[in-house]
Each structure stands twice: as structure tokens, then as C-alpha cells.
Amino acid sequence: MQMHIWDVYWGLRVEQCPCDVHFVEWLEEAGITGKRIYHFGTGGHHYIGIRCAEPELDCTVLGITASPKEYDAFVKLAIDNPTITKSYSAYFGDIYTSNARLLPRFDIVTLFHSCEFRSEKNDAYGALTDLEVMQLFTDQTDAGGHILFYTGSFAYETAKPVIEEWAKSRPVEEIGGFKTLRIFRKTA
């Protein structure tokens, strides 16, 4: 049994990930700075981590990737720009094996890739479901924090009923959208 990896490489072109661009634009337009962010799916471009490290945003980002090539791109980024690791770190793993005891608290969680990756391959090692991942990361988000989803995902139609079930199971309210993003706030 091996970990289910994402063998598609979202390379260095950020245009491949409009959700990441829209997320940073949302932060900028809303004047959100100094937040602790968890980002599901770094992409080889690591756009959110790089942009959030800029002084104007001053956020910290912990990102996860299940793509060995995307993780290798982070290692290269860290070697070439060691100061980035003061505010951005990415780790290699399966988000469906996340454990609350290993996670810090967050102000914002991006779950852009919900329902894109989970399959019977994850079942082989007792991985969480998409609903359980949404619940876990909501529990790790402080009251008043935000949880965001990507409506342009190829799996968004699959994710929609899971998001609806999640919204009934946790103290969250939908506060609107921004471009391709669906935004919820944790109320308690």
C-alpha cells in the first residue's frame, strides 16, 4: 500500500490556478493582512505562499501538496529564497490523513480542491472523507475566520452537496463570493 499521490503537476504558470490568483485579489480588495492561512493544493508556482509573504499582506501560509513535483518546487523555492520560509511552508502529504493534533490554528482555510483527489485509493489507509476534512479544518479555524471553496474546480458539482452538508454540521455562514470563490465565515 502506498500513499495516493497527485501525479499531475500544476507548474510554474499561475494562470493554471485562477482560484489562487482570485484568493490573493480577495485578500487585497478586502484589506486582509496578518492572517494565518492553510492552503490545500500549492501548485508548483506556490503563488499564494509567495504573495502572502509580501509586506503588504504579511500573512503566514501553510500549504499541502500531494504532488512530489510541486513539493520539489517548494524545496527549490526555499533554497533559492530562504527568507520565504519565515512566512511560508509547504509540506508533502495527503490532506485526507490530516490530524488536528499536528495542526495549528488558522484564520483562513482554502479548500479549493475538495472532492478532486479523494478515491478508493485513500480508503486503503483509512483516510478521511471530504466532509471530514472540511469539518477538521473548520474546527482548526478561529471564530470569525474564513473557509473558501473554488467554484471553478472540475469537481465542484461533486463538492456542492458535501459543502451543503458541512455547512449544516459546523457554525458557519456563507458571506458571499469573489470571482470564482465561495466564502464562508466561522461564527463560533
N, C-alpha and C. Protein backbone atom coordinates (compact mmCIF):
# COMPACT_ATOMS: atom_id res chain seq x y z
N MET A 1 0.85 -1.18 0.00
CA MET A 1 0.00 0.00 0.00
C MET A 1 0.89 1.24 0.00
N GLN A 2 0.58 2.16 -0.89
CA GLN A 2 1.31 3.42 -0.96
C GLN A 2 0.34 4.58 -0.84
N MET A 3 0.90 5.73 -0.49
CA MET A 3 0.08 6.93 -0.40
C MET A 3 -0.45 7.29 -1.78
N HIS A 4 -1.68 7.73 -1.82
CA HIS A 4 -2.28 8.22 -3.06
C HIS A 4 -1.69 9.58 -3.35
N ILE A 5 -0.94 9.69 -4.42
CA ILE A 5 -0.32 10.97 -4.76
C ILE A 5 -1.05 11.61 -5.93
N TRP A 6 -0.83 12.88 -6.09
CA TRP A 6 -1.37 13.64 -7.21
C TRP A 6 -0.24 13.71 -8.22
N ASP A 7 -0.38 12.96 -9.32
CA ASP A 7 0.73 12.90 -10.27
C ASP A 7 0.60 13.90 -11.41
N VAL A 8 -0.33 14.82 -11.27
CA VAL A 8 -0.46 15.93 -12.22
C VAL A 8 0.34 17.10 -11.63
N TYR A 9 1.12 17.74 -12.45
CA TYR A 9 1.94 18.85 -11.98
C TYR A 9 1.35 20.17 -12.46
N TRP A 10 0.86 20.97 -11.51
CA TRP A 10 0.42 22.33 -11.83
C TRP A 10 1.65 23.19 -11.70
N GLY A 11 2.28 23.44 -12.84
CA GLY A 11 3.60 24.02 -12.88
C GLY A 11 3.75 25.45 -12.43
N LEU A 12 4.66 26.11 -13.08
CA LEU A 12 5.07 27.43 -12.65
C LEU A 12 4.16 28.53 -13.19
N ARG A 13 3.20 28.18 -14.02
CA ARG A 13 2.29 29.17 -14.59
C ARG A 13 1.07 29.32 -13.69
N VAL A 14 0.95 30.42 -13.03
CA VAL A 14 -0.15 30.65 -12.10
C VAL A 14 -1.49 30.72 -12.83
N GLU A 15 -1.48 31.00 -14.14
CA GLU A 15 -2.72 31.05 -14.89
C GLU A 15 -3.48 29.73 -14.81
N GLN A 16 -2.78 28.66 -14.50
CA GLN A 16 -3.42 27.35 -14.36
C GLN A 16 -4.30 27.29 -13.11
N CYS A 17 -4.13 28.22 -12.20
CA CYS A 17 -4.85 28.21 -10.93
C CYS A 17 -5.53 29.55 -10.68
N PRO A 18 -6.62 29.84 -11.39
CA PRO A 18 -7.27 31.14 -11.15
C PRO A 18 -7.74 31.30 -9.71
N CYS A 19 -8.05 30.19 -9.03
CA CYS A 19 -8.50 30.30 -7.64
C CYS A 19 -7.42 30.93 -6.77
N ASP A 20 -6.17 30.61 -7.01
CA ASP A 20 -5.08 31.19 -6.22
C ASP A 20 -4.95 32.68 -6.47
N VAL A 21 -5.05 33.07 -7.74
CA VAL A 21 -5.00 34.49 -8.09
C VAL A 21 -6.18 35.22 -7.48
N HIS A 22 -7.37 34.65 -7.60
CA HIS A 22 -8.57 35.29 -7.04
C HIS A 22 -8.49 35.39 -5.52
N PHE A 23 -7.90 34.39 -4.89
CA PHE A 23 -7.75 34.44 -3.44
C PHE A 23 -6.90 35.64 -3.01
N VAL A 24 -5.76 35.81 -3.66
CA VAL A 24 -4.89 36.94 -3.31
C VAL A 24 -5.58 38.26 -3.62
N GLU A 25 -6.30 38.32 -4.74
CA GLU A 25 -7.06 39.54 -5.06
C GLU A 25 -8.11 39.82 -3.99
N TRP A 26 -8.78 38.78 -3.49
CA TRP A 26 -9.76 38.94 -2.42
C TRP A 26 -9.11 39.51 -1.17
N LEU A 27 -7.97 38.95 -0.80
CA LEU A 27 -7.25 39.47 0.37
C LEU A 27 -6.94 40.95 0.19
N GLU A 28 -6.43 41.30 -0.99
CA GLU A 28 -6.05 42.69 -1.25
C GLU A 28 -7.26 43.62 -1.23
N GLU A 29 -8.32 43.22 -1.94
CA GLU A 29 -9.50 44.09 -2.02
C GLU A 29 -10.20 44.23 -0.67
N ALA A 30 -10.17 43.17 0.14
CA ALA A 30 -10.82 43.22 1.45
C ALA A 30 -9.91 43.83 2.52
N GLY A 31 -8.67 44.11 2.15
CA GLY A 31 -7.73 44.69 3.12
C GLY A 31 -7.35 43.72 4.22
N ILE A 32 -7.32 42.44 3.90
CA ILE A 32 -6.99 41.40 4.89
C ILE A 32 -5.48 41.21 4.94
N THR A 33 -4.91 41.39 6.12
CA THR A 33 -3.47 41.23 6.31
C THR A 33 -3.20 40.50 7.62
N GLY A 34 -1.98 40.00 7.74
CA GLY A 34 -1.52 39.43 9.00
C GLY A 34 -2.26 38.18 9.45
N LYS A 35 -2.78 37.39 8.52
CA LYS A 35 -3.57 36.20 8.88
C LYS A 35 -2.77 34.92 8.74
N ARG A 36 -3.24 33.88 9.46
CA ARG A 36 -2.66 32.54 9.40
C ARG A 36 -3.53 31.73 8.44
N ILE A 37 -2.92 31.27 7.33
CA ILE A 37 -3.66 30.65 6.24
C ILE A 37 -3.22 29.20 6.05
N TYR A 38 -4.21 28.34 5.83
CA TYR A 38 -3.93 26.96 5.39
C TYR A 38 -4.40 26.86 3.96
N HIS A 39 -3.53 26.34 3.08
CA HIS A 39 -3.84 26.29 1.65
C HIS A 39 -3.73 24.85 1.13
N PHE A 40 -4.85 24.34 0.65
CA PHE A 40 -4.94 22.99 0.10
C PHE A 40 -4.61 23.04 -1.39
N GLY A 41 -3.43 22.52 -1.75
CA GLY A 41 -3.00 22.43 -3.15
C GLY A 41 -2.13 23.60 -3.55
N THR A 42 -0.84 23.48 -3.34
CA THR A 42 0.08 24.61 -3.52
C THR A 42 0.32 24.98 -4.98
N GLY A 43 0.26 24.01 -5.88
CA GLY A 43 0.71 24.25 -7.25
C GLY A 43 2.21 24.42 -7.25
N GLY A 44 2.84 24.10 -8.36
CA GLY A 44 4.28 24.27 -8.47
C GLY A 44 4.70 25.72 -8.46
N HIS A 45 3.76 26.62 -8.70
CA HIS A 45 4.03 28.06 -8.71
C HIS A 45 4.09 28.63 -7.29
N HIS A 46 3.45 27.99 -6.32
CA HIS A 46 3.44 28.42 -4.91
C HIS A 46 3.04 29.90 -4.79
N TYR A 47 2.11 30.30 -5.63
CA TYR A 47 1.69 31.70 -5.74
C TYR A 47 1.17 32.26 -4.42
N ILE A 48 0.28 31.55 -3.77
CA ILE A 48 -0.29 32.08 -2.53
C ILE A 48 0.78 32.27 -1.46
N GLY A 49 1.65 31.29 -1.30
CA GLY A 49 2.72 31.42 -0.31
C GLY A 49 3.66 32.57 -0.61
N ILE A 50 4.00 32.74 -1.87
CA ILE A 50 4.92 33.82 -2.26
C ILE A 50 4.26 35.18 -2.08
N ARG A 51 3.04 35.32 -2.58
CA ARG A 51 2.36 36.62 -2.50
C ARG A 51 2.01 37.00 -1.06
N CYS A 52 1.59 36.04 -0.27
CA CYS A 52 1.21 36.35 1.11
C CYS A 52 2.42 36.71 1.97
N ALA A 53 3.61 36.35 1.52
CA ALA A 53 4.83 36.72 2.24
C ALA A 53 5.22 38.18 2.01
N GLU A 54 4.61 38.81 1.01
CA GLU A 54 4.94 40.21 0.72
C GLU A 54 4.47 41.09 1.88
N PRO A 55 5.21 42.15 2.16
CA PRO A 55 4.88 43.01 3.31
C PRO A 55 3.45 43.56 3.29
N GLU A 56 2.89 43.81 2.10
CA GLU A 56 1.54 44.36 2.02
C GLU A 56 0.50 43.40 2.59
N LEU A 57 0.74 42.09 2.49
CA LEU A 57 -0.22 41.11 3.01
C LEU A 57 0.22 40.56 4.36
N ASP A 58 1.52 40.34 4.53
CA ASP A 58 2.08 39.92 5.81
C ASP A 58 1.34 38.74 6.45
N CYS A 59 0.99 37.75 5.63
CA CYS A 59 0.31 36.55 6.14
C CYS A 59 1.29 35.39 6.22
N THR A 60 0.96 34.43 7.07
CA THR A 60 1.70 33.18 7.08
C THR A 60 0.84 32.14 6.39
N VAL A 61 1.49 31.25 5.65
CA VAL A 61 0.78 30.23 4.89
C VAL A 61 1.43 28.88 5.13
N LEU A 62 0.59 27.91 5.45
CA LEU A 62 0.99 26.51 5.49
C LEU A 62 0.23 25.82 4.37
N GLY A 63 0.95 25.29 3.40
CA GLY A 63 0.32 24.66 2.25
C GLY A 63 0.63 23.18 2.21
N ILE A 64 -0.31 22.42 1.64
CA ILE A 64 -0.10 20.99 1.46
C ILE A 64 -0.18 20.65 -0.02
N THR A 65 0.66 19.73 -0.43
CA THR A 65 0.59 19.17 -1.76
C THR A 65 0.83 17.67 -1.69
N ALA A 66 0.10 16.95 -2.53
CA ALA A 66 0.31 15.51 -2.66
C ALA A 66 1.05 15.21 -3.97
N SER A 67 1.62 16.26 -4.57
CA SER A 67 2.39 16.13 -5.81
C SER A 67 3.88 16.22 -5.49
N PRO A 68 4.62 15.14 -5.73
CA PRO A 68 6.06 15.21 -5.48
C PRO A 68 6.74 16.35 -6.25
N LYS A 69 6.32 16.61 -7.48
CA LYS A 69 6.94 17.68 -8.26
C LYS A 69 6.64 19.06 -7.67
N GLU A 70 5.41 19.26 -7.17
CA GLU A 70 5.09 20.53 -6.54
C GLU A 70 5.89 20.71 -5.26
N TYR A 71 6.08 19.63 -4.51
CA TYR A 71 6.88 19.72 -3.29
C TYR A 71 8.34 20.03 -3.64
N ASP A 72 8.86 19.37 -4.68
CA ASP A 72 10.23 19.64 -5.12
C ASP A 72 10.39 21.11 -5.51
N ALA A 73 9.34 21.69 -6.13
CA ALA A 73 9.38 23.11 -6.49
C ALA A 73 9.45 23.98 -5.23
N PHE A 74 8.77 23.55 -4.15
CA PHE A 74 8.87 24.31 -2.90
C PHE A 74 10.29 24.23 -2.32
N VAL A 75 10.87 23.05 -2.33
CA VAL A 75 12.24 22.89 -1.81
C VAL A 75 13.18 23.81 -2.59
N LYS A 76 13.05 23.84 -3.92
CA LYS A 76 13.89 24.74 -4.73
C LYS A 76 13.62 26.19 -4.36
N LEU A 77 12.35 26.55 -4.20
CA LEU A 77 12.00 27.92 -3.81
C LEU A 77 12.66 28.28 -2.48
N ALA A 78 12.59 27.39 -1.52
CA ALA A 78 13.17 27.66 -0.20
C ALA A 78 14.70 27.78 -0.26
N ILE A 79 15.32 26.96 -1.09
CA ILE A 79 16.78 27.03 -1.23
C ILE A 79 17.17 28.34 -1.90
N ASP A 80 16.45 28.71 -2.95
CA ASP A 80 16.78 29.93 -3.70
C ASP A 80 16.37 31.21 -2.99
N ASN A 81 15.39 31.11 -2.08
CA ASN A 81 14.87 32.29 -1.39
C ASN A 81 14.57 31.91 0.06
N PRO A 82 15.60 31.73 0.89
CA PRO A 82 15.38 31.22 2.24
C PRO A 82 14.51 32.10 3.11
N THR A 83 14.41 33.38 2.82
CA THR A 83 13.57 34.24 3.66
C THR A 83 12.08 33.91 3.49
N ILE A 84 11.71 33.27 2.39
CA ILE A 84 10.30 32.91 2.18
C ILE A 84 9.81 31.98 3.29
N THR A 85 10.73 31.19 3.84
CA THR A 85 10.32 30.21 4.86
C THR A 85 10.01 30.86 6.21
N LYS A 86 10.22 32.16 6.32
CA LYS A 86 9.80 32.87 7.53
C LYS A 86 8.28 32.97 7.60
N SER A 87 7.63 32.92 6.44
CA SER A 87 6.17 33.08 6.42
C SER A 87 5.45 32.02 5.60
N TYR A 88 6.18 31.19 4.86
CA TYR A 88 5.53 30.18 4.02
C TYR A 88 6.23 28.85 4.17
N SER A 89 5.44 27.84 4.41
CA SER A 89 5.96 26.48 4.41
C SER A 89 4.95 25.59 3.71
N ALA A 90 5.48 24.65 2.95
CA ALA A 90 4.63 23.67 2.29
C ALA A 90 5.11 22.29 2.73
N TYR A 91 4.17 21.39 2.87
CA TYR A 91 4.55 20.03 3.21
C TYR A 91 3.91 19.05 2.25
N PHE A 92 4.57 17.91 2.12
CA PHE A 92 4.09 16.85 1.25
C PHE A 92 3.26 15.89 2.07
N GLY A 93 2.06 15.62 1.61
CA GLY A 93 1.21 14.68 2.32
C GLY A 93 -0.16 14.58 1.69
N ASP A 94 -0.95 13.71 2.25
CA ASP A 94 -2.33 13.51 1.83
C ASP A 94 -3.21 14.26 2.82
N ILE A 95 -3.91 15.28 2.38
CA ILE A 95 -4.76 16.07 3.27
C ILE A 95 -5.77 15.18 3.98
N TYR A 96 -6.10 14.04 3.38
CA TYR A 96 -7.09 13.13 3.96
C TYR A 96 -6.54 12.31 5.12
N THR A 97 -5.28 12.51 5.46
CA THR A 97 -4.72 11.90 6.67
C THR A 97 -4.37 12.96 7.71
N SER A 98 -4.91 14.14 7.55
CA SER A 98 -4.63 15.24 8.49
C SER A 98 -5.09 14.89 9.89
N ASN A 99 -4.35 15.41 10.86
CA ASN A 99 -4.61 15.14 12.27
C ASN A 99 -4.61 16.48 13.01
N ALA A 100 -5.68 16.79 13.69
CA ALA A 100 -5.80 18.07 14.40
C ALA A 100 -4.64 18.31 15.36
N ARG A 101 -4.09 17.26 15.94
CA ARG A 101 -3.00 17.43 16.91
C ARG A 101 -1.72 17.92 16.26
N LEU A 102 -1.63 17.80 14.93
CA LEU A 102 -0.45 18.28 14.22
C LEU A 102 -0.65 19.66 13.60
N LEU A 103 -1.86 20.17 13.68
CA LEU A 103 -2.19 21.43 13.01
C LEU A 103 -2.28 22.59 13.98
N PRO A 104 -1.79 23.75 13.56
CA PRO A 104 -2.00 24.97 14.36
C PRO A 104 -3.41 25.50 14.12
N ARG A 105 -3.71 26.64 14.69
CA ARG A 105 -4.98 27.35 14.46
C ARG A 105 -4.82 28.22 13.22
N PHE A 106 -5.93 28.44 12.53
CA PHE A 106 -5.91 29.24 11.31
C PHE A 106 -6.97 30.33 11.37
N ASP A 107 -6.72 31.39 10.57
CA ASP A 107 -7.70 32.44 10.36
C ASP A 107 -8.46 32.20 9.05
N ILE A 108 -7.78 31.60 8.10
CA ILE A 108 -8.36 31.36 6.77
C ILE A 108 -7.90 29.99 6.29
N VAL A 109 -8.85 29.24 5.72
CA VAL A 109 -8.55 27.93 5.13
C VAL A 109 -9.09 27.91 3.70
N THR A 110 -8.24 27.54 2.76
CA THR A 110 -8.70 27.36 1.38
C THR A 110 -8.87 25.87 1.14
N LEU A 111 -10.06 25.49 0.75
CA LEU A 111 -10.35 24.09 0.42
C LEU A 111 -10.74 24.02 -1.06
N PHE A 112 -9.94 24.67 -1.89
CA PHE A 112 -10.24 24.81 -3.31
C PHE A 112 -10.35 23.48 -4.04
N HIS A 113 -9.66 22.47 -3.57
CA HIS A 113 -9.59 21.22 -4.32
C HIS A 113 -10.41 20.10 -3.69
N SER A 114 -11.43 20.49 -2.94
CA SER A 114 -12.33 19.50 -2.33
C SER A 114 -12.95 18.61 -3.41
N CYS A 115 -12.97 17.33 -3.12
CA CYS A 115 -13.57 16.30 -3.98
C CYS A 115 -12.80 16.05 -5.28
N GLU A 116 -11.65 16.64 -5.45
CA GLU A 116 -10.86 16.40 -6.67
C GLU A 116 -9.96 15.17 -6.53
N PHE A 117 -9.59 14.83 -5.34
CA PHE A 117 -8.48 13.90 -5.13
C PHE A 117 -8.86 12.62 -4.42
N ARG A 118 -9.89 12.64 -3.62
CA ARG A 118 -10.26 11.50 -2.77
C ARG A 118 -10.81 10.37 -3.61
N SER A 119 -10.34 9.14 -3.36
CA SER A 119 -10.82 7.96 -4.09
C SER A 119 -10.66 6.73 -3.20
N GLU A 120 -10.98 5.59 -3.76
CA GLU A 120 -10.83 4.33 -3.03
C GLU A 120 -9.36 4.07 -2.67
N LYS A 121 -8.43 4.69 -3.39
CA LYS A 121 -7.02 4.54 -3.05
C LYS A 121 -6.75 5.08 -1.63
N ASN A 122 -7.44 6.15 -1.25
CA ASN A 122 -7.29 6.71 0.10
C ASN A 122 -7.91 5.80 1.14
N ASP A 123 -8.97 5.08 0.76
CA ASP A 123 -9.64 4.16 1.69
C ASP A 123 -8.68 3.09 2.21
N ALA A 124 -7.71 2.71 1.39
CA ALA A 124 -6.79 1.63 1.75
C ALA A 124 -6.03 1.93 3.03
N TYR A 125 -5.87 3.20 3.37
CA TYR A 125 -5.16 3.54 4.61
C TYR A 125 -6.00 4.38 5.56
N GLY A 126 -7.31 4.22 5.48
CA GLY A 126 -8.20 4.83 6.47
C GLY A 126 -8.26 6.34 6.43
N ALA A 127 -8.15 6.91 5.24
CA ALA A 127 -8.15 8.36 5.10
C ALA A 127 -9.53 8.96 5.40
N LEU A 128 -9.52 10.22 5.76
CA LEU A 128 -10.76 10.96 6.00
C LEU A 128 -11.53 11.14 4.70
N THR A 129 -12.81 11.46 4.82
CA THR A 129 -13.62 11.82 3.65
C THR A 129 -13.49 13.32 3.40
N ASP A 130 -14.02 13.78 2.29
CA ASP A 130 -14.01 15.22 2.03
C ASP A 130 -14.78 15.97 3.11
N LEU A 131 -15.92 15.44 3.53
CA LEU A 131 -16.70 16.07 4.60
C LEU A 131 -15.88 16.15 5.88
N GLU A 132 -15.22 15.07 6.25
CA GLU A 132 -14.41 15.06 7.46
C GLU A 132 -13.25 16.06 7.38
N VAL A 133 -12.65 16.21 6.19
CA VAL A 133 -11.58 17.21 6.02
C VAL A 133 -12.14 18.61 6.22
N MET A 134 -13.30 18.88 5.61
CA MET A 134 -13.93 20.20 5.79
C MET A 134 -14.22 20.47 7.27
N GLN A 135 -14.73 19.47 7.96
CA GLN A 135 -15.04 19.63 9.39
C GLN A 135 -13.77 19.84 10.21
N LEU A 136 -12.75 19.04 9.96
CA LEU A 136 -11.49 19.15 10.69
C LEU A 136 -10.89 20.54 10.54
N PHE A 137 -10.81 21.05 9.31
CA PHE A 137 -10.18 22.34 9.11
C PHE A 137 -11.05 23.50 9.60
N THR A 138 -12.35 23.30 9.61
CA THR A 138 -13.22 24.30 10.22
C THR A 138 -12.98 24.34 11.73
N ASP A 139 -12.84 23.17 12.33
CA ASP A 139 -12.56 23.11 13.76
C ASP A 139 -11.22 23.78 14.10
N GLN A 140 -10.28 23.78 13.16
CA GLN A 140 -8.97 24.40 13.37
C GLN A 140 -8.98 25.90 13.04
N THR A 141 -10.11 26.40 12.58
CA THR A 141 -10.24 27.82 12.22
C THR A 141 -10.85 28.58 13.39
N ASP A 142 -10.25 29.69 13.74
CA ASP A 142 -10.78 30.52 14.83
C ASP A 142 -12.10 31.16 14.43
N ALA A 143 -12.94 31.43 15.42
CA ALA A 143 -14.21 32.13 15.18
C ALA A 143 -13.93 33.44 14.46
N GLY A 144 -14.76 33.72 13.47
CA GLY A 144 -14.56 34.91 12.65
C GLY A 144 -13.69 34.66 11.44
N GLY A 145 -13.06 33.48 11.41
CA GLY A 145 -12.20 33.12 10.28
C GLY A 145 -13.00 32.72 9.06
N HIS A 146 -12.30 32.49 7.97
CA HIS A 146 -12.94 32.20 6.69
C HIS A 146 -12.51 30.84 6.14
N ILE A 147 -13.46 30.18 5.49
CA ILE A 147 -13.22 28.94 4.76
C ILE A 147 -13.71 29.19 3.35
N LEU A 148 -12.86 28.92 2.37
CA LEU A 148 -13.18 29.24 0.98
C LEU A 148 -13.13 28.00 0.10
N PHE A 149 -14.02 27.99 -0.89
CA PHE A 149 -14.10 26.93 -1.89
C PHE A 149 -14.00 27.55 -3.28
N TYR A 150 -13.63 26.73 -4.26
CA TYR A 150 -13.40 27.17 -5.64
C TYR A 150 -14.51 26.63 -6.54
N THR A 151 -15.33 27.53 -7.07
CA THR A 151 -16.47 27.11 -7.89
C THR A 151 -16.05 26.68 -9.30
N GLY A 152 -14.82 26.95 -9.67
CA GLY A 152 -14.33 26.56 -10.99
C GLY A 152 -13.66 25.20 -11.02
N SER A 153 -13.61 24.52 -9.90
CA SER A 153 -12.98 23.20 -9.82
C SER A 153 -13.72 22.21 -10.71
N PHE A 154 -12.98 21.30 -11.33
CA PHE A 154 -13.63 20.26 -12.13
C PHE A 154 -14.52 19.36 -11.28
N ALA A 155 -14.31 19.36 -9.96
CA ALA A 155 -15.09 18.53 -9.05
C ALA A 155 -16.10 19.34 -8.25
N TYR A 156 -16.33 20.60 -8.62
CA TYR A 156 -17.21 21.44 -7.81
C TYR A 156 -18.63 20.88 -7.72
N GLU A 157 -19.16 20.33 -8.78
CA GLU A 157 -20.52 19.77 -8.73
C GLU A 157 -20.59 18.62 -7.72
N THR A 158 -19.54 17.85 -7.61
CA THR A 158 -19.47 16.79 -6.60
C THR A 158 -19.32 17.40 -5.21
N ALA A 159 -18.58 18.48 -5.11
CA ALA A 159 -18.33 19.11 -3.81
C ALA A 159 -19.55 19.85 -3.27
N LYS A 160 -20.39 20.38 -4.15
CA LYS A 160 -21.52 21.20 -3.69
C LYS A 160 -22.39 20.53 -2.63
N PRO A 161 -22.85 19.29 -2.81
CA PRO A 161 -23.67 18.69 -1.74
C PRO A 161 -22.86 18.42 -0.46
N VAL A 162 -21.58 18.16 -0.61
CA VAL A 162 -20.72 17.95 0.57
C VAL A 162 -20.58 19.28 1.32
N ILE A 163 -20.43 20.37 0.59
CA ILE A 163 -20.34 21.69 1.21
C ILE A 163 -21.64 22.01 1.95
N GLU A 164 -22.76 21.68 1.35
CA GLU A 164 -24.06 21.93 1.99
C GLU A 164 -24.19 21.12 3.29
N GLU A 165 -23.77 19.86 3.24
CA GLU A 165 -23.81 19.02 4.45
C GLU A 165 -22.87 19.58 5.52
N TRP A 166 -21.67 19.97 5.09
CA TRP A 166 -20.68 20.56 6.01
C TRP A 166 -21.24 21.82 6.67
N ALA A 167 -21.89 22.69 5.87
CA ALA A 167 -22.40 23.96 6.39
C ALA A 167 -23.47 23.73 7.46
N LYS A 168 -24.16 22.61 7.40
CA LYS A 168 -25.16 22.27 8.42
C LYS A 168 -24.52 21.68 9.67
N SER A 169 -23.28 21.17 9.53
CA SER A 169 -22.64 20.46 10.63
C SER A 169 -21.69 21.33 11.45
N ARG A 170 -21.42 22.54 10.99
CA ARG A 170 -20.47 23.42 11.66
C ARG A 170 -21.05 24.83 11.75
N PRO A 171 -20.58 25.63 12.72
CA PRO A 171 -21.09 27.00 12.88
C PRO A 171 -20.47 27.94 11.84
N VAL A 172 -21.03 27.91 10.64
CA VAL A 172 -20.53 28.75 9.55
C VAL A 172 -21.70 29.43 8.86
N GLU A 173 -21.40 30.54 8.22
CA GLU A 173 -22.39 31.23 7.39
C GLU A 173 -21.72 31.63 6.10
N GLU A 174 -22.48 31.49 5.02
CA GLU A 174 -21.94 31.92 3.73
C GLU A 174 -22.07 33.44 3.66
N ILE A 175 -20.97 34.10 3.33
CA ILE A 175 -20.98 35.56 3.31
C ILE A 175 -20.87 36.10 1.90
N GLY A 176 -20.86 35.23 0.91
CA GLY A 176 -20.82 35.69 -0.47
C GLY A 176 -19.73 35.03 -1.26
N GLY A 177 -19.35 35.70 -2.31
CA GLY A 177 -18.33 35.17 -3.18
C GLY A 177 -17.44 36.26 -3.70
N PHE A 178 -16.37 35.83 -4.34
CA PHE A 178 -15.45 36.75 -5.00
C PHE A 178 -14.93 36.03 -6.24
N LYS A 179 -15.33 36.51 -7.40
CA LYS A 179 -14.94 35.89 -8.67
C LYS A 179 -15.29 34.41 -8.64
N THR A 180 -14.30 33.51 -8.60
CA THR A 180 -14.59 32.06 -8.60
C THR A 180 -14.63 31.46 -7.21
N LEU A 181 -14.62 32.29 -6.18
CA LEU A 181 -14.52 31.79 -4.81
C LEU A 181 -15.87 31.87 -4.09
N ARG A 182 -16.14 30.88 -3.30
CA ARG A 182 -17.31 30.84 -2.42
C ARG A 182 -16.77 30.97 -1.00
N ILE A 183 -17.29 31.95 -0.24
CA ILE A 183 -16.67 32.32 1.03
C ILE A 183 -17.64 32.13 2.19
N PHE A 184 -17.15 31.43 3.21
CA PHE A 184 -17.90 31.22 4.45
C PHE A 184 -17.11 31.83 5.60
N ARG A 185 -17.83 32.24 6.65
CA ARG A 185 -17.20 32.72 7.88
C ARG A 185 -17.61 31.80 9.02
N LYS A 186 -16.65 31.47 9.86
CA LYS A 186 -16.96 30.67 11.06
C LYS A 186 -17.56 31.61 12.10
N THR A 187 -18.72 31.24 12.63
CA THR A 187 -19.45 32.13 13.52
C THR A 187 -19.18 31.89 15.00
N ALA A 188 -18.67 30.74 15.34
CA ALA A 188 -18.41 30.44 16.76
C ALA A 188 -17.18 29.56 16.91
